Amino acid sequence: MGSSANVTALTSDTGAKPTPLGMRERMPEVGLREYWYPALLARKVGNKRPLEAKIVGQHLVFFRDAANEVVALARECPHRGAYLSHGLSHFKGTLSCPYHGWTFDGKGNCLAVLGEGPESQVPGSRGTQVRCYPTRTLKGVVFVWMGTGKPAPIEEDVPPEFFSDAYVVVTAEQMWNSNWRPSIENFSDAHVFYVHRNSIEMLTRPAGPLAALVHSGPVRPAVMRVNDRSLVYDPNTSTGLNYMGPKGASQVKKQVERLQQRPFQDTYPALGGQKWPPTRTRLYLSWICGFFRGLLPPSPPMTESGTEWSTGVHLPCTVRVDYRRLIFTRFEVPVDEGHTNNFYFITVRRLSLMNELFWRGYIALYYRWKMVSNFSSQDGRMAEITDYTTPERLTPSDKFPHEWRRLVVECARTPASH
């Protein structure tokens, strides 16, 4: 899954330096337009009433065309600007405006004006077409091209498991009252253990990975660009945090073992010798959970380390973690300046019918709550209370947001770039 055809190593060290002048200011407030985005689940679109969605600041209306495929048009009728999302599909494959009955097909062509009758001269005349946004439905998810230029290959923007029958993808959605920029920039910084310390995911983490997070200090895993579309962990380097299966796994194991030999609680002299975490309870839980996790047979990674769709962040706004038995993907779709609609894609291998039924039940009854409602919601709350425009001072542990901004500024598509 994925390709490492074009890899760029990133060696810049932000240290305590501020972000380069203009880098953060060039991050688009309502998202990157020349990309494919998940819009909604196809099953939500019926045969009579359309659905409306807002993506990167644009209002769209979705309905089913003559081939029963979900299509997308601009929301406003070209006649007087009435919202087509309040219209109806009186005739198969069409959508009629609620105001004067202008009726459009799946490509936005006006076929009739019900308010004027069959003699109307409007259909086919200039200026009567509604803008059509290209769509493609994959594993029940409707993806839409939001750019003004020719659509890029959808395989460049959508994870590869959507194009393979070897995988099962389970979805979830969650709306955040935040801008898309602060949430995607927290992928690999110092927030992980502190913000998520009381999440079920963190409380049940085995001792090795837990120690790596508690004692990570200012060091973060090195990242590299792949195909100028993603930032992923560099498999040729290793840190205590980079324990998810890089080529230097043996080195990481040794580093984690050294971290485990340190006292679980760090001491802060400037705080009068206070310790953090305040108790050793999490360590005891990790021993218990680590024992039971150790009873499970080992599982190979689902992605090749260092490739485009391995653990990392992908343009336009996709966060991915390969947990070996499943891949957790969060596609952060910018809605407007103050809202982000998160699509979660939980991917497992399709081995057999019984295996698929087990995973669907496990995700529905437990995992979706644990990772979406419990874990990811904590990221959402932090994004909602973050002012992206206030002056900031980056530290060494903020290397990832620095490199992510560079990727967006230097590599994100523009209408003339593809």
Protein backbone atom coordinates (compact mmCIF):
# COMPACT_ATOMS: atom_id res chain seq x y z
CA MET A 1 0.00 0.00 0.00
CA GLY A 2 1.59 3.27 -1.10
CA SER A 3 4.79 4.12 -2.89
CA SER A 4 8.11 5.62 -1.90
CA ALA A 5 9.10 6.65 -5.41
CA ASN A 6 10.00 10.22 -4.50
CA VAL A 7 11.40 10.58 -0.99
CA THR A 8 12.83 13.78 0.46
CA ALA A 9 14.63 13.74 3.79
CA LEU A 10 13.90 16.67 6.10
CA THR A 11 16.70 17.69 8.41
CA SER A 12 15.75 21.21 9.48
CA ASP A 13 15.82 21.86 13.22
CA THR A 14 13.37 24.45 14.46
CA GLY A 15 15.00 24.61 17.90
CA ALA A 16 13.51 27.60 19.69
CA LYS A 17 13.26 29.64 16.52
CA PRO A 18 9.96 31.16 15.41
CA THR A 19 8.22 29.86 12.31
CA PRO A 20 9.80 31.33 9.14
CA LEU A 21 8.16 34.60 8.23
CA GLY A 22 4.87 34.12 6.44
CA MET A 23 4.76 30.29 6.68
CA ARG A 24 1.77 30.02 9.00
CA GLU A 25 0.07 33.02 7.38
CA ARG A 26 0.12 31.18 4.03
CA MET A 27 -1.86 28.23 5.37
CA PRO A 28 -5.31 28.62 3.72
CA GLU A 29 -7.97 29.31 6.32
CA VAL A 30 -10.70 27.20 4.71
CA GLY A 31 -8.51 24.45 3.30
CA LEU A 32 -6.89 23.38 0.05
CA ARG A 33 -9.29 23.40 -2.88
CA GLU A 34 -7.56 21.38 -5.61
CA TYR A 35 -8.20 18.03 -3.92
CA TRP A 36 -10.65 15.17 -3.54
CA TYR A 37 -12.53 15.14 -0.22
CA PRO A 38 -14.98 12.72 1.43
CA ALA A 39 -18.37 14.40 1.43
CA LEU A 40 -20.93 11.96 2.85
CA LEU A 41 -22.01 8.34 2.90
CA ALA A 42 -23.81 7.28 -0.27
CA ARG A 43 -26.53 5.45 1.68
CA LYS A 44 -27.71 8.77 3.13
CA VAL A 45 -28.71 10.06 -0.32
CA GLY A 46 -32.21 8.91 -1.25
CA ASN A 47 -34.13 9.08 -4.50
CA LYS A 48 -36.40 12.01 -3.69
CA ARG A 49 -34.70 14.56 -1.44
CA PRO A 50 -31.20 15.92 -1.95
CA LEU A 51 -28.60 16.45 0.76
CA GLU A 52 -26.47 19.53 1.34
CA ALA A 53 -22.83 19.62 2.46
CA LYS A 54 -20.31 22.41 2.89
CA ILE A 55 -16.69 21.69 1.97
CA VAL A 56 -13.80 24.18 1.91
CA GLY A 57 -16.34 26.98 2.17
CA GLN A 58 -18.46 25.83 -0.80
CA HIS A 59 -22.10 24.73 -0.45
CA LEU A 60 -22.94 21.62 -2.50
CA VAL A 61 -26.12 19.65 -3.11
CA PHE A 62 -26.05 15.87 -3.63
CA PHE A 63 -28.66 13.70 -5.36
CA ARG A 64 -28.81 10.60 -7.56
CA ASP A 65 -28.47 10.78 -11.34
CA ALA A 66 -30.08 8.59 -13.99
CA ALA A 67 -27.53 5.84 -13.30
CA ASN A 68 -28.38 6.01 -9.58
CA GLU A 69 -24.90 7.40 -8.79
CA VAL A 70 -24.52 10.21 -6.26
CA VAL A 71 -23.62 13.47 -8.00
CA ALA A 72 -22.89 16.99 -6.72
CA LEU A 73 -23.94 20.42 -7.98
CA ALA A 74 -23.48 23.93 -6.65
CA ARG A 75 -26.26 24.69 -4.19
CA GLU A 76 -27.64 27.87 -5.80
CA CYS A 77 -29.98 27.80 -8.76
CA PRO A 78 -28.63 29.98 -11.63
CA HIS A 79 -32.06 31.56 -12.08
CA ARG A 80 -32.61 33.55 -8.88
CA GLY A 81 -30.25 31.88 -6.42
CA ALA A 82 -32.73 29.65 -4.60
CA TYR A 83 -31.21 26.72 -2.73
CA LEU A 84 -31.45 23.50 -4.73
CA SER A 85 -30.95 21.61 -1.49
CA HIS A 86 -34.61 22.42 -0.72
CA GLY A 87 -35.77 20.98 -4.03
CA LEU A 88 -37.08 17.56 -4.97
CA SER A 89 -36.28 14.83 -7.47
CA HIS A 90 -39.67 14.65 -9.15
CA PHE A 91 -38.19 12.68 -12.05
CA LYS A 92 -35.51 10.00 -11.87
CA GLY A 93 -32.01 11.40 -12.23
CA THR A 94 -33.04 15.05 -11.91
CA LEU A 95 -33.35 17.75 -9.26
CA SER A 96 -35.94 20.55 -9.43
CA CYS A 97 -35.49 23.97 -7.86
CA PRO A 98 -38.12 24.63 -5.16
CA TYR A 99 -38.78 28.18 -6.40
CA HIS A 100 -39.65 28.05 -10.13
CA GLY A 101 -39.14 24.41 -10.98
CA TRP A 102 -35.93 24.66 -12.98
CA THR A 103 -35.00 20.99 -13.37
CA PHE A 104 -31.41 19.80 -13.75
CA ASP A 105 -29.75 16.51 -14.60
CA GLY A 106 -26.67 15.04 -12.91
CA LYS A 107 -24.32 17.17 -15.01
CA GLY A 108 -26.06 20.41 -14.12
CA ASN A 109 -27.90 20.87 -17.43
CA CYS A 110 -31.31 22.50 -17.29
CA LEU A 111 -33.82 20.10 -18.89
CA ALA A 112 -37.10 21.85 -18.09
CA VAL A 113 -38.73 24.74 -16.24
CA LEU A 114 -41.83 23.40 -14.56
CA GLY A 115 -43.06 26.89 -13.73
CA GLU A 116 -43.11 27.91 -17.43
CA GLY A 117 -44.26 24.66 -19.02
CA PRO A 118 -42.92 22.64 -21.98
CA GLU A 119 -42.81 25.78 -24.16
CA SER A 120 -40.08 27.40 -22.03
CA GLN A 121 -37.04 28.61 -23.99
CA VAL A 122 -34.78 28.37 -20.93
CA PRO A 123 -33.49 24.76 -21.23
CA GLY A 124 -30.27 24.66 -23.21
CA SER A 125 -29.78 28.41 -23.30
CA ARG A 126 -26.59 30.06 -22.13
CA GLY A 127 -26.12 30.61 -18.39
CA THR A 128 -28.65 28.00 -17.30
CA GLN A 129 -26.20 25.29 -16.24
CA VAL A 130 -25.30 24.63 -12.61
CA ARG A 131 -21.68 23.91 -11.83
CA CYS A 132 -21.13 20.17 -11.49
CA TYR A 133 -18.48 18.84 -9.07
CA PRO A 134 -16.96 15.48 -10.08
CA THR A 135 -17.77 12.68 -7.63
CA ARG A 136 -16.73 9.08 -7.09
CA THR A 137 -18.20 6.58 -4.66
CA LEU A 138 -15.73 4.18 -3.06
CA LYS A 139 -16.71 1.62 -0.40
CA GLY A 140 -19.89 3.59 0.26
CA VAL A 141 -18.15 6.95 0.70
CA VAL A 142 -18.83 9.76 -1.80
CA PHE A 143 -15.67 11.67 -2.66
CA VAL A 144 -15.91 15.02 -4.43
CA TRP A 145 -13.37 17.06 -6.38
CA MET A 146 -13.41 20.62 -5.05
CA GLY A 147 -10.89 22.18 -7.42
CA THR A 148 -11.43 24.51 -10.34
CA GLY A 149 -8.92 22.72 -12.53
CA LYS A 150 -9.03 19.28 -14.11
CA PRO A 151 -9.43 16.63 -11.39
CA ALA A 152 -6.21 15.03 -10.26
CA PRO A 153 -6.11 11.21 -10.14
CA ILE A 154 -8.24 10.30 -7.13
CA GLU A 155 -5.66 7.67 -6.14
CA GLU A 156 -3.32 10.51 -5.15
CA ASP A 157 -5.70 11.84 -2.47
CA VAL A 158 -7.62 8.80 -1.22
CA PRO A 159 -6.01 5.95 0.79
CA PRO A 160 -5.22 2.84 -1.30
CA GLU A 161 -7.46 0.52 0.71
CA PHE A 162 -10.47 2.17 -0.97
CA PHE A 163 -9.36 0.66 -4.29
CA SER A 164 -8.78 -2.90 -3.05
CA ASP A 165 -11.15 -5.72 -2.16
CA ALA A 166 -8.54 -7.02 0.28
CA TYR A 167 -9.63 -4.50 2.92
CA VAL A 168 -12.74 -3.61 4.89
CA VAL A 169 -13.25 0.08 5.70
CA VAL A 170 -15.60 1.10 8.53
CA THR A 171 -16.50 4.79 8.75
CA ALA A 172 -17.48 7.34 11.37
CA GLU A 173 -17.99 11.12 11.39
CA GLN A 174 -17.45 13.85 13.97
CA MET A 175 -17.90 17.61 13.56
CA TRP A 176 -15.52 19.91 15.45
CA ASN A 177 -16.16 23.59 16.12
CA SER A 178 -12.63 24.47 15.09
CA ASN A 179 -10.53 25.44 12.12
CA TRP A 180 -8.81 22.57 10.30
CA ARG A 181 -5.26 23.91 10.79
CA PRO A 182 -4.59 23.48 14.54
CA SER A 183 -6.01 19.95 14.68
CA ILE A 184 -3.92 18.47 11.88
CA GLU A 185 -0.76 20.11 13.19
CA ASN A 186 -0.80 18.16 16.47
CA PHE A 187 0.03 14.83 14.82
CA SER A 188 3.50 14.36 16.32
CA ASP A 189 4.19 16.90 19.05
CA ALA A 190 4.37 16.99 22.85
CA HIS A 191 0.62 16.81 23.47
CA VAL A 192 0.12 13.06 23.10
CA PHE A 193 0.63 11.71 26.61
CA TYR A 194 -0.51 14.88 28.39
CA VAL A 195 -3.78 15.47 26.51
CA HIS A 196 -4.67 11.79 26.13
CA ARG A 197 -3.37 10.56 29.51
CA ASN A 198 -6.86 9.57 30.71
CA SER A 199 -8.07 8.09 27.43
CA ILE A 200 -8.76 4.37 27.23
CA GLU A 201 -6.14 4.07 24.50
CA MET A 202 -3.45 5.52 26.79
CA LEU A 203 -4.57 3.71 29.93
CA THR A 204 -4.35 0.33 28.16
CA ARG A 205 -1.05 0.99 26.36
CA PRO A 206 1.73 -1.57 27.06
CA ALA A 207 4.70 -0.53 29.20
CA GLY A 208 7.17 -0.03 26.34
CA PRO A 209 5.16 2.43 24.24
CA LEU A 210 3.91 4.13 27.42
CA ALA A 211 7.47 4.68 28.65
CA ALA A 212 8.44 6.06 25.24
CA LEU A 213 5.69 8.68 25.50
CA VAL A 214 6.24 9.59 29.15
CA HIS A 215 10.01 10.07 28.71
CA SER A 216 10.04 11.36 25.14
CA GLY A 217 11.44 14.78 26.07
CA PRO A 218 11.87 17.31 23.26
CA VAL A 219 12.89 14.66 20.69
CA ARG A 220 10.37 13.61 18.05
CA PRO A 221 10.70 11.05 15.26
CA ALA A 222 12.29 12.34 12.07
CA VAL A 223 9.89 12.72 9.14
CA MET A 224 10.40 12.69 5.41
CA ARG A 225 8.37 13.67 2.37
CA VAL A 226 7.11 11.05 -0.02
CA ASN A 227 6.04 12.06 -3.53
CA ASP A 228 5.60 15.62 -2.21
CA ARG A 229 2.20 14.52 -0.91
CA SER A 230 2.85 13.15 2.56
CA LEU A 231 5.01 13.39 5.67
CA VAL A 232 5.80 10.01 7.21
CA TYR A 233 8.15 8.69 9.85
CA ASP A 234 11.64 8.18 8.44
CA PRO A 235 12.37 4.42 8.72
CA ASN A 236 16.12 5.07 8.57
CA THR A 237 16.13 6.83 11.93
CA SER A 238 14.81 5.73 15.28
CA THR A 239 13.77 7.32 18.55
CA GLY A 240 11.95 6.02 21.58
CA LEU A 241 8.73 7.34 20.09
CA ASN A 242 9.14 5.68 16.70
CA TYR A 243 8.13 2.21 17.87
CA MET A 244 5.56 1.33 15.18
CA GLY A 245 7.76 -0.89 13.07
CA PRO A 246 10.54 1.03 11.28
CA LYS A 247 13.55 -0.74 9.81
CA GLY A 248 15.48 0.13 12.96
CA ALA A 249 13.06 -1.83 15.15
CA SER A 250 15.86 -3.49 17.10
CA GLN A 251 17.38 -0.10 17.93
CA VAL A 252 14.00 1.20 19.02
CA LYS A 253 13.50 -1.86 21.22
CA LYS A 254 16.79 -1.14 22.97
CA GLN A 255 15.84 2.52 23.44
CA VAL A 256 12.46 1.57 24.87
CA GLU A 257 14.15 -0.89 27.25
CA ARG A 258 16.43 1.90 28.47
CA LEU A 259 13.44 4.18 28.96
CA GLN A 260 11.70 1.49 31.00
CA GLN A 261 14.70 1.34 33.32
CA ARG A 262 14.16 4.98 34.24
CA PRO A 263 11.78 5.81 37.08
CA PHE A 264 8.27 5.95 35.65
CA GLN A 265 7.63 9.34 37.27
CA ASP A 266 9.79 12.28 36.19
CA THR A 267 10.93 14.74 38.87
CA TYR A 268 10.68 18.51 38.29
CA PRO A 269 13.14 20.46 40.50
CA ALA A 270 11.60 23.83 39.58
CA LEU A 271 8.29 22.56 40.95
CA GLY A 272 9.81 21.70 44.31
CA GLY A 273 10.58 18.11 43.37
CA GLN A 274 7.02 17.28 42.30
CA LYS A 275 6.56 14.22 40.12
CA TRP A 276 4.69 13.66 36.87
CA PRO A 277 2.71 11.51 36.34
CA PRO A 278 1.52 12.05 39.92
CA THR A 279 1.06 8.30 40.59
CA ARG A 280 2.30 4.97 39.23
CA THR A 281 -1.22 3.70 38.56
CA ARG A 282 -0.82 3.96 34.77
CA LEU A 283 2.34 1.88 34.94
CA TYR A 284 0.53 -0.93 36.79
CA LEU A 285 -2.30 -0.84 34.25
CA SER A 286 0.21 -1.03 31.41
CA TRP A 287 1.76 -4.15 32.93
CA ILE A 288 -1.63 -5.85 33.09
CA CYS A 289 -2.69 -4.75 29.59
CA GLY A 290 0.73 -5.60 28.19
CA PHE A 291 0.40 -9.14 29.52
CA PHE A 292 -2.96 -9.70 27.81
CA ARG A 293 -1.83 -8.03 24.58
CA GLY A 294 1.17 -10.35 24.64
CA LEU A 295 -1.19 -13.30 24.35
CA LEU A 296 -2.24 -12.15 20.88
CA PRO A 297 -0.24 -13.51 17.93
CA PRO A 298 2.05 -10.92 16.30
CA SER A 299 0.68 -9.09 13.29
CA PRO A 300 2.70 -7.59 10.43
CA PRO A 301 2.26 -3.91 9.58
CA MET A 302 -0.51 -3.13 7.12
CA THR A 303 1.64 -0.58 5.30
CA GLU A 304 5.29 -0.56 4.32
CA SER A 305 7.22 1.76 6.60
CA GLY A 306 8.32 4.97 4.93
CA THR A 307 5.86 4.78 2.03
CA GLU A 308 3.32 7.42 1.05
CA TRP A 309 0.36 6.05 2.99
CA SER A 310 2.20 4.71 6.04
CA THR A 311 1.96 6.36 9.49
CA GLY A 312 2.00 10.11 8.94
CA VAL A 313 0.01 12.96 7.42
CA HIS A 314 -1.07 13.20 3.77
CA LEU A 315 -2.28 16.13 1.69
CA PRO A 316 -4.81 17.63 1.76
CA CYS A 317 -5.60 16.85 5.42
CA THR A 318 -5.35 13.14 6.26
CA VAL A 319 -3.82 11.70 9.45
CA ARG A 320 -2.94 7.98 9.48
CA VAL A 321 -1.60 5.53 12.03
CA ASP A 322 -0.81 1.92 11.17
CA TYR A 323 -1.60 -0.12 14.30
CA ARG A 324 -0.69 -3.39 12.49
CA ARG A 325 -4.07 -5.07 12.93
CA LEU A 326 -5.86 -2.00 11.62
CA ILE A 327 -5.21 1.41 10.13
CA PHE A 328 -6.77 4.45 11.80
CA THR A 329 -7.32 7.32 9.34
CA ARG A 330 -8.79 10.74 10.11
CA PHE A 331 -9.66 12.83 7.05
CA GLU A 332 -10.12 16.37 8.37
CA VAL A 333 -12.45 18.07 5.91
CA PRO A 334 -12.48 21.89 6.26
CA VAL A 335 -16.06 23.17 6.29
CA ASP A 336 -15.49 26.87 6.91
CA GLU A 337 -13.36 29.10 9.13
CA GLY A 338 -14.75 27.62 12.34
CA HIS A 339 -15.78 24.04 11.56
CA THR A 340 -14.07 20.80 10.54
CA ASN A 341 -15.91 17.61 9.61
CA ASN A 342 -13.77 14.59 10.48
CA PHE A 343 -14.24 11.40 8.51
CA TYR A 344 -12.75 8.38 10.26
CA PHE A 345 -11.78 5.35 8.20
CA ILE A 346 -10.92 2.23 10.22
CA THR A 347 -9.34 -0.35 7.91
CA VAL A 348 -8.83 -4.06 8.55
CA ARG A 349 -7.75 -6.95 6.35
CA ARG A 350 -10.49 -8.94 4.63
CA LEU A 351 -9.47 -12.54 5.46
CA SER A 352 -12.80 -14.38 5.70
CA LEU A 353 -16.46 -13.72 6.33
CA MET A 354 -16.18 -14.64 10.01
CA ASN A 355 -13.11 -12.42 10.38
CA GLU A 356 -14.93 -9.51 8.76
CA LEU A 357 -17.99 -9.97 10.98
CA PHE A 358 -15.76 -10.05 14.06
CA TRP A 359 -14.01 -6.82 13.15
CA ARG A 360 -17.21 -5.02 12.21
CA GLY A 361 -18.72 -5.99 15.56
CA TYR A 362 -15.57 -5.08 17.50
CA ILE A 363 -15.35 -1.68 15.82
CA ALA A 364 -19.06 -0.95 16.19
CA LEU A 365 -19.30 -2.01 19.85
CA TYR A 366 -15.96 -0.80 21.19
CA TYR A 367 -13.16 0.48 18.97
CA ARG A 368 -15.09 3.32 17.31
CA TRP A 369 -16.05 4.63 20.75
CA LYS A 370 -12.52 4.22 22.09
CA MET A 371 -10.70 5.97 19.24
CA VAL A 372 -13.30 8.42 17.94
CA SER A 373 -15.57 9.41 20.83
CA ASN A 374 -12.94 9.04 23.56
CA PHE A 375 -9.44 9.56 22.11
CA SER A 376 -9.93 11.76 19.04
CA SER A 377 -12.52 13.96 20.74
CA GLN A 378 -9.77 15.11 23.09
CA ASP A 379 -7.86 16.42 20.07
CA GLY A 380 -11.03 18.17 18.98
CA ARG A 381 -11.43 19.95 22.29
CA MET A 382 -7.85 21.24 22.06
CA ALA A 383 -8.42 22.46 18.50
CA GLU A 384 -11.59 24.26 19.58
CA ILE A 385 -9.74 26.28 22.23
CA THR A 386 -6.71 27.12 20.07
CA ASP A 387 -6.37 30.55 18.44
CA TYR A 388 -4.41 29.91 15.26
CA THR A 389 -3.74 33.60 14.67
CA THR A 390 -2.08 34.43 17.98
CA PRO A 391 1.75 34.79 18.03
CA GLU A 392 3.46 31.47 18.69
CA ARG A 393 6.90 30.23 19.72
CA LEU A 394 7.84 26.80 18.41
CA THR A 395 10.10 24.45 20.36
CA PRO A 396 12.12 21.40 19.24
CA SER A 397 9.11 19.15 19.85
CA ASP A 398 7.18 21.21 17.28
CA LYS A 399 9.23 19.96 14.36
CA PHE A 400 6.25 18.27 12.73
CA PRO A 401 3.94 21.33 12.42
CA HIS A 402 6.90 23.25 11.03
CA GLU A 403 7.50 20.62 8.33
CA TRP A 404 3.77 20.23 7.63
CA ARG A 405 3.48 23.93 6.89
CA ARG A 406 6.46 23.69 4.59
CA LEU A 407 4.82 20.80 2.74
CA VAL A 408 1.57 22.74 2.26
CA VAL A 409 3.28 25.95 1.17
CA GLU A 410 5.76 24.27 -1.17
CA CYS A 411 3.81 21.30 -2.54
CA ALA A 412 0.04 21.77 -2.24
CA ARG A 413 -1.77 21.85 -5.56
CA THR A 414 -2.94 25.07 -7.15
CA PRO A 415 -5.24 25.35 -10.20
CA ALA A 416 -2.18 25.56 -12.50
CA SER A 417 -0.08 22.87 -10.79
CA HIS A 418 -1.66 19.73 -12.26
